[in-house]
Amino acid sequence: MGDVLAGIQATWEFDTDSVLIRFERGIRTPRLFQSLRERRVPYAALSSVTLTPGKRGTVVLRAVPRPGADPLLEAAAGQLKESNDPYRLVLPGDSETLAEYYADELRAVLGSEAALPAERFLVTAPEAPMQFKAYDGRAGFDGTLVSFRWFWTGASSAKWKAGDQSFPVADLGGVEWRSPEGLEGCLRLVPRGAAAGAEADGPGCDPVPGAGQPSVTRAQPDQDPASVVFGLGYGPVHESLPFAAAVLESVRRTQSVPVATAPVPVGGARRDPADIAERIRHLGDLHQAGLVTDAEYSAKKAELLAEL
């Protein structure tokens, strides 16, 4: 095609085998789009194209991806609001004729497999390293390892007893993301071998058992060391969803390698002295504020010093 279609909040640049979607960084642009910046979508990742009337005299061009082609949409599992759909291009109403032309051009390049689910991810996931702040801890991902570092003020006693967690991607079978814009928002890592059959005791990040798979009961997200929970202002979509997509893409890439399924706790490994000192200072602030008892302060400080 070799042309550019400029819409509201995004521009689509058409190439011979893909479309490059560039998102604007304006104040009205959803933060998810600003976080993604741009995405290259191969035509092979698309199943269909639609053009419909929009609000306030606009038209909407939407490229519909094939199931399984985009790790971002796979992680979102249908929870994205329409305004956060990265495959939607909103155009002024007077651009309808031009939009119809590009819609026809896109339809013409869809392959014979467009109606079939993709066997692998065809759209690149957001790149690591990345991190975000949840309600009960900080999640980090360096490309091969997912880490959860618990907050003293938010994490449950079960998570504190388990200690900070580290999960090699090769030990994971999947990722479950529940939007922070709904109830019981959380991100849960699923151990390898349990991706299709785990069930939570309560609401929040509930996976769907696969056909013929045994059901495995798991703790609620606030008690599960393999989960971080969201809350008001914690784990926003534009941070936690790209994180989930990046982890999911890495998991799929390494799933063919046989590995152990148990998460690896960080507790027994030597830690960065600067990190320990920072946590002790934070613990001291909580102690001075009366949020931590003398006994709790002494016990936790001794535990942290033992990690040096």
C-alpha atoms as a PDB file:
ATOM      1  CA  MET A   1       0.000   0.000   0.000  1.00  0.00           C
ATOM      2  CA  GLY A   2       2.649   2.489   1.072  1.00  0.00           C
ATOM      3  CA  ASP A   3       0.389   5.300   2.393  1.00  0.00           C
ATOM      4  CA  VAL A   4      -0.518   7.024   5.656  1.00  0.00           C
ATOM      5  CA  LEU A   5      -3.969   7.423   7.212  1.00  0.00           C
ATOM      6  CA  ALA A   6      -4.065  10.009  10.011  1.00  0.00           C
ATOM      7  CA  GLY A   7      -6.876   9.670  12.518  1.00  0.00           C
ATOM      8  CA  ILE A   8      -7.749  10.992  15.948  1.00  0.00           C
ATOM      9  CA  GLN A   9      -5.165   9.766  18.526  1.00  0.00           C
ATOM     10  CA  ALA A  10      -3.337   7.523  16.044  1.00  0.00           C
ATOM     11  CA  THR A  11      -1.824   7.282  12.564  1.00  0.00           C
ATOM     12  CA  TRP A  12      -1.712   4.130  10.446  1.00  0.00           C
ATOM     13  CA  GLU A  13       1.247   3.725   8.073  1.00  0.00           C
ATOM     14  CA  PHE A  14       0.671   0.996   5.495  1.00  0.00           C
ATOM     15  CA  ASP A  15       3.574  -1.125   4.231  1.00  0.00           C
ATOM     16  CA  THR A  16       3.747  -4.085   1.871  1.00  0.00           C
ATOM     17  CA  ASP A  17       3.187  -6.707   4.591  1.00  0.00           C
ATOM     18  CA  SER A  18       2.090  -4.808   7.705  1.00  0.00           C
ATOM     19  CA  VAL A  19       0.567  -1.666   9.145  1.00  0.00           C
ATOM     20  CA  LEU A  20       2.485   0.453  11.655  1.00  0.00           C
ATOM     21  CA  ILE A  21       0.151   2.025  14.202  1.00  0.00           C
ATOM     22  CA  ARG A  22       1.643   5.132  15.816  1.00  0.00           C
ATOM     23  CA  PHE A  23      -0.215   6.530  18.811  1.00  0.00           C
ATOM     24  CA  GLU A  24      -0.216  10.225  19.652  1.00  0.00           C
ATOM     25  CA  ARG A  25       0.977  11.451  23.031  1.00  0.00           C
ATOM     26  CA  GLY A  26      -1.665  14.164  23.449  1.00  0.00           C
ATOM     27  CA  ILE A  27      -3.545  14.858  26.662  1.00  0.00           C
ATOM     28  CA  ARG A  28      -6.705  13.231  25.262  1.00  0.00           C
ATOM     29  CA  THR A  29      -4.952  10.050  24.156  1.00  0.00           C
ATOM     30  CA  PRO A  30      -5.619   7.064  26.454  1.00  0.00           C
ATOM     31  CA  ARG A  31      -2.620   6.282  28.632  1.00  0.00           C
ATOM     32  CA  LEU A  32      -2.504   2.731  27.288  1.00  0.00           C
ATOM     33  CA  PHE A  33      -1.866   4.086  23.787  1.00  0.00           C
ATOM     34  CA  GLN A  34       0.828   6.425  25.091  1.00  0.00           C
ATOM     35  CA  SER A  35       2.457   3.495  26.861  1.00  0.00           C
ATOM     36  CA  LEU A  36       2.412   1.338  23.716  1.00  0.00           C
ATOM     37  CA  ARG A  37       3.704   4.228  21.523  1.00  0.00           C
ATOM     38  CA  GLU A  38       3.581   2.206  18.325  1.00  0.00           C
ATOM     39  CA  ARG A  39       2.788  -1.316  17.146  1.00  0.00           C
ATOM     40  CA  ARG A  40       3.579  -3.071  13.905  1.00  0.00           C
ATOM     41  CA  VAL A  41       0.772  -5.432  12.927  1.00  0.00           C
ATOM     42  CA  PRO A  42       1.418  -7.922  10.093  1.00  0.00           C
ATOM     43  CA  TYR A  43      -1.519  -8.342   7.741  1.00  0.00           C
ATOM     44  CA  ALA A  44      -1.257 -12.056   8.539  1.00  0.00           C
ATOM     45  CA  ALA A  45      -2.394 -11.207  12.092  1.00  0.00           C
ATOM     46  CA  LEU A  46      -5.743  -9.795  10.895  1.00  0.00           C
ATOM     47  CA  SER A  47      -9.009 -11.643  10.328  1.00  0.00           C
ATOM     48  CA  SER A  48     -11.253  -8.865   9.006  1.00  0.00           C
ATOM     49  CA  VAL A  49     -11.756  -5.105   8.668  1.00  0.00           C
ATOM     50  CA  THR A  50     -14.838  -3.044   9.531  1.00  0.00           C
ATOM     51  CA  LEU A  51     -15.900   0.560   8.906  1.00  0.00           C
ATOM     52  CA  THR A  52     -18.751   1.899  11.028  1.00  0.00           C
ATOM     53  CA  PRO A  53     -20.237   5.276  12.034  1.00  0.00           C
ATOM     54  CA  GLY A  54     -18.710   6.742  15.190  1.00  0.00           C
ATOM     55  CA  LYS A  55     -19.794   9.341  17.715  1.00  0.00           C
ATOM     56  CA  ARG A  56     -20.165  13.045  16.939  1.00  0.00           C
ATOM     57  CA  GLY A  57     -19.891  12.709  13.168  1.00  0.00           C
ATOM     58  CA  THR A  58     -16.860  10.419  13.054  1.00  0.00           C
ATOM     59  CA  VAL A  59     -16.227   7.091  11.353  1.00  0.00           C
ATOM     60  CA  VAL A  60     -14.352   4.170  12.866  1.00  0.00           C
ATOM     61  CA  LEU A  61     -11.995   1.929  10.928  1.00  0.00           C
ATOM     62  CA  ARG A  62     -11.175  -1.235  12.863  1.00  0.00           C
ATOM     63  CA  ALA A  63      -8.815  -4.035  11.972  1.00  0.00           C
ATOM     64  CA  VAL A  64     -10.001  -7.207  13.705  1.00  0.00           C
ATOM     65  CA  PRO A  65      -7.078  -9.412  14.821  1.00  0.00           C
ATOM     66  CA  ARG A  66      -7.120 -13.183  14.585  1.00  0.00           C
ATOM     67  CA  PRO A  67      -7.580 -14.985  17.917  1.00  0.00           C
ATOM     68  CA  GLY A  68      -4.186 -15.804  19.377  1.00  0.00           C
ATOM     69  CA  ALA A  69      -2.258 -13.355  17.182  1.00  0.00           C
ATOM     70  CA  ASP A  70      -1.660 -10.548  19.701  1.00  0.00           C
ATOM     71  CA  PRO A  71      -0.343 -11.201  23.243  1.00  0.00           C
ATOM     72  CA  LEU A  72      -1.810  -7.901  24.438  1.00  0.00           C
ATOM     73  CA  LEU A  73      -5.357  -8.910  23.511  1.00  0.00           C
ATOM     74  CA  GLU A  74      -4.802 -12.456  24.745  1.00  0.00           C
ATOM     75  CA  ALA A  75      -3.783 -11.099  28.156  1.00  0.00           C
ATOM     76  CA  ALA A  76      -6.693  -8.643  28.156  1.00  0.00           C
ATOM     77  CA  ALA A  77      -9.163 -11.498  27.508  1.00  0.00           C
ATOM     78  CA  GLY A  78     -11.924  -9.182  26.314  1.00  0.00           C
ATOM     79  CA  GLN A  79     -11.692  -6.755  29.245  1.00  0.00           C
ATOM     80  CA  LEU A  80     -10.499  -3.667  27.334  1.00  0.00           C
ATOM     81  CA  LYS A  81     -12.925  -0.799  26.985  1.00  0.00           C
ATOM     82  CA  GLU A  82     -13.699   0.352  23.456  1.00  0.00           C
ATOM     83  CA  SER A  83     -11.716   3.552  24.014  1.00  0.00           C
ATOM     84  CA  ASN A  84      -8.615   1.445  24.784  1.00  0.00           C
ATOM     85  CA  ASP A  85      -8.874  -0.763  21.695  1.00  0.00           C
ATOM     86  CA  PRO A  86      -5.544  -0.330  19.857  1.00  0.00           C
ATOM     87  CA  TYR A  87      -7.066  -1.637  16.612  1.00  0.00           C
ATOM     88  CA  ARG A  88      -9.648   1.167  16.395  1.00  0.00           C
ATOM     89  CA  LEU A  89      -8.887   4.250  14.288  1.00  0.00           C
ATOM     90  CA  VAL A  90     -11.347   7.118  14.721  1.00  0.00           C
ATOM     91  CA  LEU A  91     -11.512   9.518  11.758  1.00  0.00           C
ATOM     92  CA  PRO A  92     -13.413  12.731  11.000  1.00  0.00           C
ATOM     93  CA  GLY A  93     -16.610  12.137   9.074  1.00  0.00           C
ATOM     94  CA  ASP A  94     -15.285  13.841   5.944  1.00  0.00           C
ATOM     95  CA  SER A  95     -12.609  11.130   5.730  1.00  0.00           C
ATOM     96  CA  GLU A  96     -15.171   8.361   5.169  1.00  0.00           C
ATOM     97  CA  THR A  97     -14.401   7.922   1.457  1.00  0.00           C
ATOM     98  CA  LEU A  98     -10.676   7.658   2.180  1.00  0.00           C
ATOM     99  CA  ALA A  99     -11.372   5.232   5.032  1.00  0.00           C
ATOM    100  CA  GLU A 100     -13.481   3.052   2.708  1.00  0.00           C
ATOM    101  CA  TYR A 101     -10.567   2.914   0.266  1.00  0.00           C
ATOM    102  CA  TYR A 102      -8.138   1.712   2.933  1.00  0.00           C
ATOM    103  CA  ALA A 103     -10.666  -0.738   4.355  1.00  0.00           C
ATOM    104  CA  ASP A 104     -10.990  -2.318   0.896  1.00  0.00           C
ATOM    105  CA  GLU A 105      -7.188  -2.350   0.497  1.00  0.00           C
ATOM    106  CA  LEU A 106      -6.785  -4.126   3.825  1.00  0.00           C
ATOM    107  CA  ARG A 107      -9.430  -6.700   2.980  1.00  0.00           C
ATOM    108  CA  ALA A 108      -7.624  -7.398  -0.284  1.00  0.00           C
ATOM    109  CA  VAL A 109      -4.397  -8.388   1.483  1.00  0.00           C
ATOM    110  CA  LEU A 110      -5.973 -10.733   4.049  1.00  0.00           C
ATOM    111  CA  GLY A 111      -4.684 -14.249   3.540  1.00  0.00           C
ATOM    112  CA  SER A 112      -6.507 -17.558   3.314  1.00  0.00           C
ATOM    113  CA  GLU A 113      -5.820 -18.221   7.024  1.00  0.00           C
ATOM    114  CA  ALA A 114      -7.525 -15.005   8.157  1.00  0.00           C
ATOM    115  CA  ALA A 115     -10.539 -16.899   9.506  1.00  0.00           C
ATOM    116  CA  LEU A 116      -8.389 -19.300  11.539  1.00  0.00           C
ATOM    117  CA  PRO A 117      -6.898 -18.760  15.007  1.00  0.00           C
ATOM    118  CA  ALA A 118      -3.184 -17.971  14.897  1.00  0.00           C
ATOM    119  CA  GLU A 119      -0.896 -20.801  15.987  1.00  0.00           C
ATOM    120  CA  ARG A 120       1.583 -18.328  17.499  1.00  0.00           C
ATOM    121  CA  PHE A 121       1.819 -14.660  18.369  1.00  0.00           C
ATOM    122  CA  LEU A 122       2.283 -12.548  15.248  1.00  0.00           C
ATOM    123  CA  VAL A 123       2.315  -9.134  16.907  1.00  0.00           C
ATOM    124  CA  THR A 124       5.328  -8.262  19.056  1.00  0.00           C
ATOM    125  CA  ALA A 125       4.690  -7.865  22.782  1.00  0.00           C
ATOM    126  CA  PRO A 126       5.890  -4.803  24.735  1.00  0.00           C
ATOM    127  CA  GLU A 127       9.570  -5.102  25.592  1.00  0.00           C
ATOM    128  CA  ALA A 128      11.083  -5.820  29.015  1.00  0.00           C
ATOM    129  CA  PRO A 129      12.406  -4.685  31.415  1.00  0.00           C
ATOM    130  CA  MET A 130       9.294  -3.235  32.980  1.00  0.00           C
ATOM    131  CA  GLN A 131       7.673  -2.870  36.369  1.00  0.00           C
ATOM    132  CA  PHE A 132       4.527  -1.525  38.015  1.00  0.00           C
ATOM    133  CA  LYS A 133       3.262  -0.836  41.505  1.00  0.00           C
ATOM    134  CA  ALA A 134       0.359  -2.961  42.735  1.00  0.00           C
ATOM    135  CA  TYR A 135      -1.477  -2.497  46.027  1.00  0.00           C
ATOM    136  CA  ASP A 136       0.452  -5.156  47.910  1.00  0.00           C
ATOM    137  CA  GLY A 137       3.786  -5.178  46.116  1.00  0.00           C
ATOM    138  CA  ARG A 138       5.947  -4.149  43.200  1.00  0.00           C
ATOM    139  CA  ALA A 139       6.071  -6.397  40.147  1.00  0.00           C
ATOM    140  CA  GLY A 140       9.146  -6.505  37.925  1.00  0.00           C
ATOM    141  CA  PHE A 141      10.048  -8.371  34.748  1.00  0.00           C
ATOM    142  CA  ASP A 142      13.510  -8.447  33.155  1.00  0.00           C
ATOM    143  CA  GLY A 143      12.646 -10.672  30.202  1.00  0.00           C
ATOM    144  CA  THR A 144      13.384 -14.012  31.867  1.00  0.00           C
ATOM    145  CA  LEU A 145      12.339 -13.537  35.503  1.00  0.00           C
ATOM    146  CA  VAL A 146       9.176 -12.154  37.132  1.00  0.00           C
ATOM    147  CA  SER A 147       9.660 -10.786  40.647  1.00  0.00           C
ATOM    148  CA  PHE A 148       7.194  -9.697  43.336  1.00  0.00           C
ATOM    149  CA  ARG A 149       8.482  -7.535  46.191  1.00  0.00           C
ATOM    150  CA  TRP A 150       5.902  -7.151  48.941  1.00  0.00           C
ATOM    151  CA  PHE A 151       4.937  -3.863  50.599  1.00  0.00           C
ATOM    152  CA  TRP A 152       4.837  -3.939  54.382  1.00  0.00           C
ATOM    153  CA  THR A 153       1.624  -1.885  54.477  1.00  0.00           C
ATOM    154  CA  GLY A 154      -0.326  -3.787  51.805  1.00  0.00           C
ATOM    155  CA  ALA A 155       0.721  -7.432  51.619  1.00  0.00           C
ATOM    156  CA  SER A 156      -1.097 -10.127  53.577  1.00  0.00           C
ATOM    157  CA  SER A 157       0.630 -12.079  56.325  1.00  0.00           C
ATOM    158  CA  ALA A 158       0.634 -15.097  53.997  1.00  0.00           C
ATOM    159  CA  LYS A 159       2.709 -13.220  51.448  1.00  0.00           C
ATOM    160  CA  TRP A 160       5.086 -11.842  54.068  1.00  0.00           C
ATOM    161  CA  LYS A 161       5.642 -15.321  55.451  1.00  0.00           C
ATOM    162  CA  ALA A 162       6.348 -16.626  51.944  1.00  0.00           C
ATOM    163  CA  GLY A 163       8.807 -13.784  51.325  1.00  0.00           C
ATOM    164  CA  ASP A 164       9.560 -11.885  48.142  1.00  0.00           C
ATOM    165  CA  GLN A 165       9.083 -14.096  45.105  1.00  0.00           C
ATOM    166  CA  SER A 166      10.985 -14.757  41.902  1.00  0.00           C
ATOM    167  CA  PHE A 167       9.516 -16.806  39.024  1.00  0.00           C
ATOM    168  CA  PRO A 168      11.609 -17.931  36.032  1.00  0.00           C
ATOM    169  CA  VAL A 169       9.511 -17.652  32.876  1.00  0.00           C
ATOM    170  CA  ALA A 170      10.398 -21.246  32.019  1.00  0.00           C
ATOM    171  CA  ASP A 171       8.522 -22.358  35.167  1.00  0.00           C
ATOM    172  CA  LEU A 172       5.273 -20.636  34.185  1.00  0.00           C
ATOM    173  CA  GLY A 173       2.328 -21.935  32.195  1.00  0.00           C
ATOM    174  CA  GLY A 174       0.406 -18.696  31.782  1.00  0.00           C
ATOM    175  CA  VAL A 175      -0.644 -15.296  33.105  1.00  0.00           C
ATOM    176  CA  GLU A 176      -4.080 -14.182  34.283  1.00  0.00           C
ATOM    177  CA  TRP A 177      -4.911 -10.469  34.283  1.00  0.00           C
ATOM    178  CA  ARG A 178      -8.082  -8.974  35.691  1.00  0.00           C
ATOM    179  CA  SER A 179      -8.492  -5.298  34.870  1.00  0.00           C
ATOM    180  CA  PRO A 180      -7.999  -2.791  37.715  1.00  0.00           C
ATOM    181  CA  GLU A 181     -11.024  -0.967  36.304  1.00  0.00           C
ATOM    182  CA  GLY A 182     -13.273  -3.780  37.548  1.00  0.00           C
ATOM    183  CA  LEU A 183     -13.756  -5.647  40.798  1.00  0.00           C
ATOM    184  CA  GLU A 184     -11.028  -7.895  42.217  1.00  0.00           C
ATOM    185  CA  GLY A 185      -8.348  -6.651  39.834  1.00  0.00           C
ATOM    186  CA  CYS A 186      -5.120  -8.648  39.968  1.00  0.00           C
ATOM    187  CA  LEU A 187      -2.312 -10.291  38.058  1.00  0.00           C
ATOM    188  CA  ARG A 188      -1.681 -13.970  38.756  1.00  0.00           C
ATOM    189  CA  LEU A 189       1.147 -16.150  37.487  1.00  0.00           C
ATOM    190  CA  VAL A 190       0.146 -19.727  36.721  1.00  0.00           C
ATOM    191  CA  PRO A 191       2.705 -22.501  37.339  1.00  0.00           C
ATOM    192  CA  ARG A 192       3.639 -24.639  34.369  1.00  0.00           C
ATOM    193  CA  GLY A 193       1.329 -27.646  34.174  1.00  0.00           C
ATOM    194  CA  ALA A 194      -1.556 -25.867  35.941  1.00  0.00           C
ATOM    195  CA  ALA A 195      -2.476 -23.224  33.355  1.00  0.00           C
ATOM    196  CA  ALA A 196      -5.691 -24.892  32.213  1.00  0.00           C
ATOM    197  CA  GLY A 197      -6.982 -26.375  35.437  1.00  0.00           C
ATOM    198  CA  ALA A 198      -6.478 -24.027  38.375  1.00  0.00           C
ATOM    199  CA  GLU A 199      -9.371 -22.476  40.222  1.00  0.00           C
ATOM    200  CA  ALA A 200      -9.331 -19.794  42.889  1.00  0.00           C
ATOM    201  CA  ASP A 201     -11.211 -20.122  46.194  1.00  0.00           C
ATOM    202  CA  GLY A 202     -12.815 -16.718  45.603  1.00  0.00           C
ATOM    203  CA  PRO A 203     -13.326 -14.095  42.884  1.00  0.00           C
ATOM    204  CA  GLY A 204     -10.370 -12.499  41.157  1.00  0.00           C
ATOM    205  CA  CYS A 205      -8.184 -13.862  38.343  1.00  0.00           C
ATOM    206  CA  ASP A 206     -10.236 -17.021  37.951  1.00  0.00           C
ATOM    207  CA  PRO A 207      -8.920 -19.182  35.085  1.00  0.00           C
ATOM    208  CA  VAL A 208     -11.256 -21.342  33.027  1.00  0.00           C
ATOM    209  CA  PRO A 209     -10.549 -25.082  33.383  1.00  0.00           C
ATOM    210  CA  GLY A 210      -9.672 -26.771  30.106  1.00  0.00           C
ATOM    211  CA  ALA A 211     -11.580 -29.739  28.766  1.00  0.00           C
ATOM    212  CA  GLY A 212     -10.408 -32.927  30.400  1.00  0.00           C
ATOM    213  CA  GLN A 213      -8.049 -31.071  32.731  1.00  0.00           C
ATOM    214  CA  PRO A 214      -8.122 -31.650  36.502  1.00  0.00           C
ATOM    215  CA  SER A 215      -9.195 -28.716  38.648  1.00  0.00           C
ATOM    216  CA  VAL A 216      -6.606 -27.416  41.129  1.00  0.00           C
ATOM    217  CA  THR A 217      -7.758 -25.193  43.980  1.00  0.00           C
ATOM    218  CA  ARG A 218      -5.602 -22.112  44.558  1.00  0.00           C
ATOM    219  CA  ALA A 219      -5.659 -19.386  47.188  1.00  0.00           C
ATOM    220  CA  GLN A 220      -7.381 -16.065  46.656  1.00  0.00           C
ATOM    221  CA  PRO A 221      -5.074 -13.494  44.998  1.00  0.00           C
ATOM    222  CA  ASP A 222      -4.470 -11.511  48.205  1.00  0.00           C
ATOM    223  CA  GLN A 223      -3.193 -14.716  49.859  1.00  0.00           C
ATOM    224  CA  ASP A 224      -1.365 -16.171  46.835  1.00  0.00           C
ATOM    225  CA  PRO A 225       2.379 -15.363  46.599  1.00  0.00           C
ATOM    226  CA  ALA A 226       2.096 -15.859  42.830  1.00  0.00           C
ATOM    227  CA  SER A 227      -0.327 -12.912  42.568  1.00  0.00           C
ATOM    228  CA  VAL A 228      -0.346  -9.174  43.057  1.00  0.00           C
ATOM    229  CA  VAL A 229      -3.643  -7.401  43.669  1.00  0.00           C
ATOM    230  CA  PHE A 230      -4.705  -4.045  42.291  1.00  0.00           C
ATOM    231  CA  GLY A 231      -6.639  -1.281  43.970  1.00  0.00           C
ATOM    232  CA  LEU A 232      -7.589   2.334  43.438  1.00  0.00           C
ATOM    233  CA  GLY A 233      -4.587   3.866  41.695  1.00  0.00           C
ATOM    234  CA  TYR A 234      -2.576   0.628  41.763  1.00  0.00           C
ATOM    235  CA  GLY A 235      -1.770  -1.568  38.752  1.00  0.00           C
ATOM    236  CA  PRO A 236      -3.308   0.779  36.141  1.00  0.00           C
ATOM    237  CA  VAL A 237      -4.192  -0.721  32.758  1.00  0.00           C
ATOM    238  CA  HIS A 238      -1.448   1.110  30.873  1.00  0.00           C
ATOM    239  CA  GLU A 239       1.204  -0.424  33.152  1.00  0.00           C
ATOM    240  CA  SER A 240      -0.135  -3.832  34.205  1.00  0.00           C
ATOM    241  CA  LEU A 241      -1.566  -5.004  30.857  1.00  0.00           C
ATOM    242  CA  PRO A 242       1.613  -4.491  28.769  1.00  0.00           C
ATOM    243  CA  PHE A 243       3.465  -6.201  31.645  1.00  0.00           C
ATOM    244  CA  ALA A 244       1.100  -9.197  31.472  1.00  0.00           C
ATOM    245  CA  ALA A 245       1.432  -9.320  27.677  1.00  0.00           C
ATOM    246  CA  ALA A 246       5.231  -9.282  27.813  1.00  0.00           C
ATOM    247  CA  VAL A 247       5.294 -12.120  30.355  1.00  0.00           C
ATOM    248  CA  LEU A 248       2.735 -14.126  28.368  1.00  0.00           C
ATOM    249  CA  GLU A 249       4.762 -13.799  25.168  1.00  0.00           C
ATOM    250  CA  SER A 250       7.899 -15.006  26.964  1.00  0.00           C
ATOM    251  CA  VAL A 251       5.979 -17.906  28.511  1.00  0.00           C
ATOM    252  CA  ARG A 252       4.672 -19.041  25.116  1.00  0.00           C
ATOM    253  CA  ARG A 253       8.163 -18.804  23.654  1.00  0.00           C
ATOM    254  CA  THR A 254       9.633 -21.110  26.281  1.00  0.00           C
ATOM    255  CA  GLN A 255       6.745 -23.516  26.866  1.00  0.00           C
ATOM    256  CA  SER A 256       8.322 -26.303  24.818  1.00  0.00           C
ATOM    257  CA  VAL A 257      11.229 -26.584  27.281  1.00  0.00           C
ATOM    258  CA  PRO A 258      10.593 -29.131  30.103  1.00  0.00           C
ATOM    259  CA  VAL A 259      11.226 -27.464  33.448  1.00  0.00           C
ATOM    260  CA  ALA A 260      10.199 -27.641  37.115  1.00  0.00           C
ATOM    261  CA  THR A 261       6.932 -25.925  38.045  1.00  0.00           C
ATOM    262  CA  ALA A 262       7.678 -24.546  41.499  1.00  0.00           C
ATOM    263  CA  PRO A 263       8.364 -20.783  41.946  1.00  0.00           C
ATOM    264  CA  VAL A 264      11.769 -19.878  43.326  1.00  0.00           C
ATOM    265  CA  PRO A 265      11.610 -17.720  46.474  1.00  0.00           C
ATOM    266  CA  VAL A 266      14.150 -14.958  46.801  1.00  0.00           C
ATOM    267  CA  GLY A 267      14.376 -15.266  50.555  1.00  0.00           C
ATOM    268  CA  GLY A 268      17.428 -17.527  50.718  1.00  0.00           C
ATOM    269  CA  ALA A 269      19.546 -15.648  48.189  1.00  0.00           C
ATOM    270  CA  ARG A 270      21.958 -12.832  49.008  1.00  0.00           C
ATOM    271  CA  ARG A 271      20.413  -9.427  48.408  1.00  0.00           C
ATOM    272  CA  ASP A 272      21.793  -6.053  47.375  1.00  0.00           C
ATOM    273  CA  PRO A 273      22.913  -4.258  50.589  1.00  0.00           C
ATOM    274  CA  ALA A 274      21.458  -0.971  49.300  1.00  0.00           C
ATOM    275  CA  ASP A 275      18.094  -2.654  48.823  1.00  0.00           C
ATOM    276  CA  ILE A 276      18.204  -4.086  52.362  1.00  0.00           C
ATOM    277  CA  ALA A 277      19.143  -0.689  53.805  1.00  0.00           C
ATOM    278  CA  GLU A 278      16.230   0.951  51.983  1.00  0.00           C
ATOM    279  CA  ARG A 279      13.770  -1.583  53.362  1.00  0.00           C
ATOM    280  CA  ILE A 280      15.107  -1.184  56.910  1.00  0.00           C
ATOM    281  CA  ARG A 281      14.721   2.590  56.640  1.00  0.00           C
ATOM    282  CA  HIS A 282      11.136   2.120  55.479  1.00  0.00           C
ATOM    283  CA  LEU A 283      10.497  -0.297  58.320  1.00  0.00           C
ATOM    284  CA  GLY A 284      11.889   2.272  60.767  1.00  0.00           C
ATOM    285  CA  ASP A 285       9.496   4.919  59.410  1.00  0.00           C
ATOM    286  CA  LEU A 286       6.556   2.576  59.981  1.00  0.00           C
ATOM    287  CA  HIS A 287       7.819   1.853  63.497  1.00  0.00           C
ATOM    288  CA  GLN A 288       8.123   5.543  64.360  1.00  0.00           C
ATOM    289  CA  ALA A 289       4.626   6.165  62.997  1.00  0.00           C
ATOM    290  CA  GLY A 290       3.231   3.499  65.331  1.00  0.00           C
ATOM    291  CA  LEU A 291       2.172   1.213  62.486  1.00  0.00           C
ATOM    292  CA  VAL A 292       4.586  -1.533  63.536  1.00  0.00           C
ATOM    293  CA  THR A 293       5.088  -2.825  67.091  1.00  0.00           C
ATOM    294  CA  ASP A 294       8.496  -3.094  68.750  1.00  0.00           C
ATOM    295  CA  ALA A 295       8.423  -6.869  68.425  1.00  0.00           C
ATOM    296  CA  GLU A 296       7.436  -6.738  64.736  1.00  0.00           C
ATOM    297  CA  TYR A 297      10.131  -4.150  64.042  1.00  0.00           C
ATOM    298  CA  SER A 298      12.856  -6.206  65.724  1.00  0.00           C
ATOM    299  CA  ALA A 299      11.795  -9.457  64.059  1.00  0.00           C
ATOM    300  CA  LYS A 300      11.565  -7.999  60.552  1.00  0.00           C
ATOM    301  CA  LYS A 301      14.813  -6.063  60.893  1.00  0.00           C
ATOM    302  CA  ALA A 302      16.630  -9.213  61.973  1.00  0.00           C
ATOM    303  CA  GLU A 303      15.114 -11.075  59.015  1.00  0.00           C
ATOM    304  CA  LEU A 304      16.322  -8.421  56.577  1.00  0.00           C
ATOM    305  CA  LEU A 305      19.818  -8.298  58.073  1.00  0.00           C
ATOM    306  CA  ALA A 306      20.027 -12.076  57.746  1.00  0.00           C
ATOM    307  CA  GLU A 307      19.664 -11.714  53.976  1.00  0.00           C
ATOM    308  CA  LEU A 308      22.953  -9.781  53.681  1.00  0.00           C
END
